[in-house]
Amino acid sequence: MRICRFSHGEEVSFGVLDNLDDQGEITDNSIIAILKGHPFGEPDPDGRVIAASAVKLLAPILPSKIIGIGKNYADHAAEMKSELPAEPLMFLKPSTAVIGPGEVITLPNQSSMVHHEAELAVVIGRFCKDVPRDRVSEVILGFTCANDVSARDVQESDVQWSRAKGFDTFCPLGPWIETDLDPSDLAVTAYVGDDLRQSGNTKNMIFSAVDLVSFVSHQMTLLPGDVILTGTPAGVGPIVSGDEVEVAIEGIGSLVNTVQRA
């Protein structure tokens, strides 16, 4: 099931998206069954159906917090000239960094070296704490695409990463949440224009998505809608004003954003 969040006129709603084409793209035949309220628990359609082509897709969730995981692919750690972490390396991004598909990544004046980072994102579906690995599936709503945009020069100058990864627009999410997905073996790619920058697979994570949900839940309480970014494969690189960035994940779809200087 694909859960989306969208605007139609002045109304913002969640819905279940259906009838995509073979490439997972929206067509004139694609429809959205509108849900009552939020998507947590058993989805409850309100009986209305709308053409997907008639709405604007938004970020599929507005999390209370975004937990990022650094250096979770060995090839990325190597390109950053870093040692592999002994346990997941956590950082936080603010909810104000979130934007949706088609929205603009704004390059801040404080940085001249902003990079893309294609990542699988886990969306939490229920209040949880201290989740054992064998019960992780019970607390996941689904998965979406993410771009952990990072001001690399700021990251290098600061002792910690909050500023470098926390600028407004630095967490594109979307285009929807896929609820029926095995996250253990998925292709992850990033294009800037026609240039393939990143090409990895979640099977090469140091810590799996299941490992990460369990680990993070032992450090802090997770709320419905919270997002865990699972790390990025090698190939991160600069984005500049005028670029179009596409993050694609097998089984989910493509998240496309343009870039402009503030």
Protein backbone atom coordinates (compact mmCIF):
# COMPACT_ATOMS: atom_id res chain seq x y z
CA MET A 1 0.00 0.00 0.00
CA ARG A 2 1.21 3.49 -0.88
CA ILE A 3 0.22 6.17 1.61
CA CYS A 4 0.54 9.75 0.40
CA ARG A 5 -0.12 13.18 1.85
CA PHE A 6 -1.45 15.78 -0.53
CA SER A 7 -3.18 19.11 -0.94
CA HIS A 8 -6.24 19.74 -3.07
CA GLY A 9 -7.47 23.29 -2.93
CA GLU A 10 -7.28 24.33 0.72
CA GLU A 11 -7.58 20.75 2.02
CA VAL A 12 -4.60 18.67 3.16
CA SER A 13 -5.28 14.94 3.51
CA PHE A 14 -3.72 11.51 3.65
CA GLY A 15 -4.73 8.92 1.09
CA VAL A 16 -3.96 5.53 -0.45
CA LEU A 17 -2.49 5.85 -3.94
CA ASP A 18 -3.27 3.23 -6.58
CA ASN A 19 -3.07 2.50 -10.31
CA LEU A 20 0.50 3.60 -11.00
CA ASP A 21 2.16 2.54 -14.24
CA ASP A 22 4.74 -0.25 -14.56
CA GLN A 23 7.52 2.21 -13.69
CA GLY A 24 5.75 3.30 -10.52
CA GLU A 25 4.79 6.69 -11.94
CA ILE A 26 1.50 8.56 -11.61
CA THR A 27 -0.66 8.56 -14.75
CA ASP A 28 -4.08 9.90 -15.70
CA ASN A 29 -5.52 6.61 -14.37
CA SER A 30 -3.93 6.91 -10.92
CA ILE A 31 -6.34 7.50 -8.05
CA ILE A 32 -6.19 8.36 -4.35
CA ALA A 33 -8.67 6.99 -1.82
CA ILE A 34 -8.85 9.71 0.82
CA LEU A 35 -8.41 8.62 4.43
CA LYS A 36 -10.12 9.87 7.54
CA GLY A 37 -7.56 11.64 9.71
CA HIS A 38 -4.06 10.19 9.99
CA PRO A 39 -2.71 6.93 8.48
CA PHE A 40 -1.64 5.28 11.74
CA GLY A 41 -3.40 2.10 12.78
CA GLU A 42 -5.87 0.60 10.32
CA PRO A 43 -6.38 3.02 7.37
CA ASP A 44 -9.96 4.27 7.28
CA PRO A 45 -11.12 5.57 3.86
CA ASP A 46 -13.76 8.30 4.00
CA GLY A 47 -15.39 7.11 0.78
CA ARG A 48 -14.02 9.81 -1.53
CA VAL A 49 -11.70 9.06 -4.45
CA ILE A 50 -9.75 11.71 -6.35
CA ALA A 51 -7.53 11.65 -9.43
CA ALA A 52 -3.88 11.70 -8.39
CA SER A 53 -3.09 14.04 -11.28
CA ALA A 54 -5.40 16.66 -9.70
CA VAL A 55 -3.48 17.02 -6.41
CA LYS A 56 -0.11 18.28 -5.20
CA LEU A 57 1.92 15.65 -3.35
CA LEU A 58 3.43 16.88 -0.10
CA ALA A 59 6.03 15.36 2.20
CA PRO A 60 4.29 12.10 3.15
CA ILE A 61 4.75 12.72 6.87
CA LEU A 62 5.63 15.60 9.22
CA PRO A 63 7.74 13.91 11.91
CA SER A 64 8.24 15.12 15.46
CA LYS A 65 11.90 14.22 14.95
CA ILE A 66 14.23 12.87 12.28
CA ILE A 67 17.03 10.57 13.43
CA GLY A 68 19.91 10.33 10.99
CA ILE A 69 22.48 7.56 10.91
CA GLY A 70 26.00 8.43 9.77
CA LYS A 71 28.56 6.23 8.00
CA ASN A 72 26.27 3.22 7.64
CA TYR A 73 27.77 2.06 4.32
CA ALA A 74 31.44 1.02 4.29
CA ASP A 75 32.05 2.61 0.88
CA HIS A 76 30.71 5.96 2.08
CA ALA A 77 32.78 5.81 5.26
CA ALA A 78 35.81 5.14 3.06
CA GLU A 79 35.14 8.10 0.76
CA MET A 80 34.81 10.31 3.86
CA LYS A 81 38.12 8.88 5.14
CA SER A 82 36.43 7.62 8.31
CA GLU A 83 36.63 4.43 10.29
CA LEU A 84 33.57 2.18 10.49
CA PRO A 85 31.44 2.86 13.57
CA ALA A 86 31.19 0.18 16.24
CA GLU A 87 27.53 1.04 16.77
CA PRO A 88 25.07 3.25 14.87
CA LEU A 89 26.22 6.88 14.75
CA MET A 90 23.14 9.00 15.46
CA PHE A 91 22.33 12.65 14.82
CA LEU A 92 19.11 14.67 14.71
CA LYS A 93 17.57 16.81 11.99
CA PRO A 94 14.77 19.26 12.87
CA SER A 95 11.26 18.81 11.52
CA THR A 96 11.61 22.24 9.88
CA ALA A 97 14.11 20.70 7.43
CA VAL A 98 11.37 18.59 5.79
CA ILE A 99 10.11 19.38 2.29
CA GLY A 100 8.18 17.24 -0.18
CA PRO A 101 8.54 16.10 -3.78
CA GLY A 102 8.90 18.90 -6.29
CA GLU A 103 9.85 21.47 -3.66
CA VAL A 104 13.07 23.49 -3.70
CA ILE A 105 16.24 22.70 -1.75
CA THR A 106 17.54 26.12 -0.71
CA LEU A 107 21.30 26.49 -0.46
CA PRO A 108 22.11 28.62 2.61
CA ASN A 109 24.50 31.54 2.46
CA GLN A 110 26.51 29.96 5.30
CA SER A 111 27.76 27.18 3.00
CA SER A 112 29.50 26.88 -0.34
CA MET A 113 29.67 23.05 -0.33
CA VAL A 114 26.25 21.42 -0.07
CA HIS A 115 26.00 17.70 -0.90
CA HIS A 116 23.17 15.30 -1.71
CA GLU A 117 22.82 12.00 0.21
CA ALA A 118 20.31 9.43 -1.07
CA GLU A 119 18.82 7.35 1.74
CA LEU A 120 16.10 4.87 2.62
CA ALA A 121 13.88 6.37 5.33
CA VAL A 122 11.91 4.33 7.87
CA VAL A 123 8.61 5.84 9.05
CA ILE A 124 7.52 4.80 12.54
CA GLY A 125 3.88 3.81 12.89
CA ARG A 126 3.26 3.68 16.63
CA PHE A 127 4.50 4.89 20.00
CA CYS A 128 7.37 2.63 20.98
CA LYS A 129 10.39 2.24 23.26
CA ASP A 130 13.03 -0.48 23.72
CA VAL A 131 11.81 -2.51 20.74
CA PRO A 132 13.44 -5.95 20.37
CA ARG A 133 14.63 -6.86 16.88
CA ASP A 134 11.99 -9.54 16.45
CA ARG A 135 9.19 -7.00 17.01
CA VAL A 136 10.51 -4.15 14.84
CA SER A 137 8.03 -4.93 12.05
CA GLU A 138 5.18 -4.14 14.48
CA VAL A 139 6.27 -0.50 14.87
CA ILE A 140 7.06 0.40 11.24
CA LEU A 141 4.43 2.17 9.15
CA GLY A 142 6.52 1.96 5.99
CA PHE A 143 9.41 3.34 3.99
CA THR A 144 10.08 6.36 1.80
CA CYS A 145 12.90 8.09 -0.07
CA ALA A 146 15.01 10.74 1.64
CA ASN A 147 17.77 13.15 0.75
CA ASP A 148 19.94 13.91 3.78
CA VAL A 149 21.19 17.22 2.37
CA SER A 150 24.39 18.27 4.13
CA ALA A 151 26.50 21.43 4.22
CA ARG A 152 29.82 19.63 4.07
CA ASP A 153 32.04 22.63 4.87
CA VAL A 154 29.92 23.45 7.93
CA GLN A 155 30.00 19.78 8.95
CA GLU A 156 33.80 19.82 8.80
CA SER A 157 34.13 23.03 10.82
CA ASP A 158 31.65 22.19 13.61
CA VAL A 159 32.25 19.63 16.31
CA GLN A 160 28.80 18.12 15.72
CA TRP A 161 26.47 17.92 12.70
CA SER A 162 23.25 19.63 13.78
CA ARG A 163 23.85 22.89 11.91
CA ALA A 164 25.26 21.26 8.78
CA LYS A 165 22.31 18.91 8.36
CA GLY A 166 19.58 21.04 9.94
CA PHE A 167 19.09 23.95 7.56
CA ASP A 168 15.57 24.53 6.27
CA THR A 169 14.78 22.30 3.24
CA PHE A 170 17.64 19.88 4.06
CA CYS A 171 15.36 16.82 4.45
CA PRO A 172 13.32 16.12 1.31
CA LEU A 173 10.99 13.14 1.87
CA GLY A 174 8.66 11.30 -0.51
CA PRO A 175 6.98 10.80 -2.79
CA TRP A 176 4.87 8.47 -0.60
CA ILE A 177 5.19 5.79 2.07
CA GLU A 178 5.34 2.18 0.88
CA THR A 179 3.98 -0.09 3.62
CA ASP A 180 4.62 -3.48 1.98
CA LEU A 181 8.38 -3.64 1.51
CA ASP A 182 11.35 -5.71 2.63
CA PRO A 183 14.12 -3.14 3.26
CA SER A 184 16.99 -5.64 3.24
CA ASP A 185 17.87 -5.64 -0.50
CA LEU A 186 16.86 -2.45 -2.32
CA ALA A 187 18.74 -0.44 -4.95
CA VAL A 188 19.39 3.17 -3.89
CA THR A 189 20.41 5.74 -6.52
CA ALA A 190 20.89 9.48 -6.84
CA TYR A 191 20.99 11.47 -10.07
CA VAL A 192 21.92 15.12 -10.43
CA GLY A 193 20.50 16.02 -13.81
CA ASP A 194 21.49 13.11 -16.07
CA ASP A 195 24.58 12.31 -13.98
CA LEU A 196 24.36 9.12 -11.90
CA ARG A 197 26.10 10.04 -8.66
CA GLN A 198 25.15 7.26 -6.24
CA SER A 199 24.34 3.61 -6.88
CA GLY A 200 24.15 1.39 -3.81
CA ASN A 201 22.03 -1.27 -2.17
CA THR A 202 20.59 -1.54 1.32
CA LYS A 203 22.06 -5.04 1.64
CA ASN A 204 25.42 -3.28 2.07
CA MET A 205 24.37 -1.37 5.17
CA ILE A 206 26.58 -1.94 8.19
CA PHE A 207 23.49 -1.87 10.41
CA SER A 208 20.22 -3.00 8.81
CA ALA A 209 16.98 -1.05 8.98
CA VAL A 210 15.75 -3.53 11.60
CA ASP A 211 18.94 -3.05 13.64
CA LEU A 212 18.54 0.72 13.49
CA VAL A 213 14.90 0.87 14.60
CA SER A 214 15.67 -1.36 17.57
CA PHE A 215 18.84 0.57 18.46
CA VAL A 216 17.27 4.02 18.20
CA SER A 217 14.24 2.95 20.24
CA HIS A 218 16.58 1.96 23.06
CA GLN A 219 17.99 5.49 23.11
CA MET A 220 14.76 7.50 22.86
CA THR A 221 11.00 7.07 22.63
CA LEU A 222 9.73 7.00 19.05
CA LEU A 223 6.40 8.56 18.12
CA PRO A 224 4.09 7.83 15.19
CA GLY A 225 5.49 9.60 12.14
CA ASP A 226 9.08 9.81 13.37
CA VAL A 227 11.61 9.14 10.63
CA ILE A 228 14.91 7.26 10.75
CA LEU A 229 17.33 7.94 7.90
CA THR A 230 19.38 4.79 7.38
CA GLY A 231 22.58 6.22 5.87
CA THR A 232 23.88 6.83 2.38
CA PRO A 233 26.06 4.82 -0.02
CA ALA A 234 29.18 6.21 -1.68
CA GLY A 235 29.03 8.88 -4.35
CA VAL A 236 27.86 11.91 -2.39
CA GLY A 237 28.71 15.15 -4.12
CA PRO A 238 27.90 18.82 -4.59
CA ILE A 239 24.63 20.32 -5.69
CA VAL A 240 24.42 23.88 -7.01
CA SER A 241 21.71 26.34 -7.94
CA GLY A 242 19.79 25.14 -11.00
CA ASP A 243 20.37 21.43 -10.37
CA GLU A 244 17.61 18.81 -10.26
CA VAL A 245 18.24 15.98 -7.80
CA GLU A 246 16.48 12.61 -8.02
CA VAL A 247 16.65 10.03 -5.24
CA ALA A 248 15.20 6.68 -6.33
CA ILE A 249 14.70 3.56 -4.22
CA GLU A 250 13.63 0.22 -5.61
CA GLY A 251 10.07 -0.66 -4.64
CA ILE A 252 9.20 2.88 -3.59
CA GLY A 253 9.69 5.42 -6.37
CA SER A 254 11.54 8.65 -7.10
CA LEU A 255 11.89 11.85 -5.07
CA VAL A 256 12.78 14.82 -7.27
CA ASN A 257 13.74 18.30 -6.04
CA THR A 258 15.28 21.36 -7.65
CA VAL A 259 18.04 23.45 -6.09
CA GLN A 260 18.45 27.19 -5.75
CA ARG A 261 20.63 29.58 -3.78
CA ALA A 262 18.93 31.47 -0.95
